[in-house]
Amino acid sequence: MSTPSSRMPNPLAFLPELVEAVLRPAPAGERVTDELYARASALYDDQAMWSLVMAIAHIGFFTPAALIAKPIPGLPPGQNYSEPERRKA
């Protein structure tokens, strides 16, 4: 007798592939193939798919912001985007 987990695909298994497809530069062609979208939409209803899209969109927003601003690790929010010398002045 098979267990539910052996019959159903893991809904999180494809997430790294989906996120990488979205965030990887693709000068020619589409990033998310129809096959990848079909796999995702087979596992999630419309509301869950849009939640997933919005979560990936947030990653896509904050990654470039962090690359540009170069936050200082270990400092509290609001203080982690300024040079240490400026904070002491």
Protein backbone atom coordinates (compact mmCIF):
# COMPACT_ATOMS: atom_id res chain seq x y z
CA MET A 1 0.00 0.00 0.00
CA SER A 2 1.44 3.36 -0.97
CA THR A 3 1.38 6.33 1.34
CA PRO A 4 -0.03 9.71 0.26
CA SER A 5 3.50 11.13 0.05
CA SER A 6 4.57 8.42 -2.39
CA ARG A 7 1.57 9.06 -4.68
CA MET A 8 1.65 12.86 -4.71
CA PRO A 9 4.64 14.92 -5.84
CA ASN A 10 6.22 17.14 -3.23
CA PRO A 11 4.79 20.64 -3.88
CA LEU A 12 8.04 22.24 -2.73
CA ALA A 13 10.40 20.11 -4.81
CA PHE A 14 10.23 22.30 -7.91
CA LEU A 15 10.47 25.68 -6.12
CA PRO A 16 14.25 26.09 -6.44
CA GLU A 17 13.94 25.37 -10.17
CA LEU A 18 11.08 27.88 -10.53
CA VAL A 19 12.84 30.63 -8.57
CA GLU A 20 16.06 30.08 -10.51
CA ALA A 21 14.15 30.21 -13.80
CA VAL A 22 12.57 33.53 -12.84
CA LEU A 23 15.74 35.18 -11.54
CA ARG A 24 18.24 33.85 -14.10
CA PRO A 25 18.92 36.31 -16.92
CA ALA A 26 17.55 35.03 -20.22
CA PRO A 27 18.30 37.48 -23.02
CA ALA A 28 16.63 35.21 -25.56
CA GLY A 29 13.58 33.09 -24.91
CA GLU A 30 11.31 32.69 -21.94
CA ARG A 31 12.49 32.11 -18.43
CA VAL A 32 9.61 30.00 -17.12
CA THR A 33 8.77 27.34 -19.66
CA ASP A 34 5.22 26.15 -20.25
CA GLU A 35 6.23 22.77 -18.83
CA LEU A 36 7.53 24.32 -15.58
CA TYR A 37 4.40 26.46 -15.23
CA ALA A 38 2.21 23.39 -15.85
CA ARG A 39 4.03 21.48 -13.11
CA ALA A 40 3.54 24.34 -10.66
CA SER A 41 -0.11 24.95 -11.52
CA ALA A 42 -0.86 21.24 -11.17
CA LEU A 43 0.21 21.42 -7.52
CA TYR A 44 -1.39 24.74 -6.52
CA ASP A 45 -4.78 26.39 -6.95
CA ASP A 46 -5.05 29.91 -8.41
CA GLN A 47 -4.75 31.70 -5.06
CA ALA A 48 -1.69 29.66 -4.04
CA MET A 49 -0.08 30.25 -7.44
CA TRP A 50 -0.49 34.02 -7.10
CA SER A 51 0.92 33.86 -3.58
CA LEU A 52 3.92 32.01 -4.98
CA VAL A 53 4.29 34.54 -7.81
CA MET A 54 4.21 37.43 -5.33
CA ALA A 55 6.77 35.75 -3.04
CA ILE A 56 9.15 35.27 -5.97
CA ALA A 57 8.48 38.86 -7.08
CA HIS A 58 9.56 40.10 -3.64
CA ILE A 59 12.79 38.14 -3.95
CA GLY A 60 13.26 39.71 -7.36
CA PHE A 61 12.77 43.18 -5.88
CA PHE A 62 14.94 42.90 -2.78
CA THR A 63 17.89 41.13 -4.39
CA PRO A 64 18.90 44.06 -6.65
CA ALA A 65 18.18 46.53 -3.83
CA ALA A 66 20.60 44.65 -1.59
CA LEU A 67 23.21 44.40 -4.35
CA ILE A 68 23.07 48.16 -4.92
CA ALA A 69 22.82 49.32 -1.29
CA LYS A 70 25.25 46.72 0.14
CA PRO A 71 23.70 46.33 3.60
CA ILE A 72 26.05 45.83 6.52
CA PRO A 73 25.39 42.39 8.09
CA GLY A 74 24.55 42.20 11.77
CA LEU A 75 23.23 45.74 12.16
CA PRO A 76 19.59 46.49 13.00
CA PRO A 77 17.21 47.65 10.26
CA GLY A 78 17.54 51.36 9.61
CA GLN A 79 21.22 51.35 10.52
CA ASN A 80 22.48 48.66 8.18
CA TYR A 81 22.72 50.81 5.03
CA SER A 82 25.10 53.50 6.25
CA GLU A 83 28.82 53.55 6.76
CA PRO A 84 29.97 52.92 10.38
CA GLU A 85 31.81 56.27 10.48
CA ARG A 86 28.61 58.17 9.68
CA ARG A 87 26.65 56.47 12.45
CA LYS A 88 29.16 57.60 15.09
CA ALA A 89 29.18 61.22 13.90
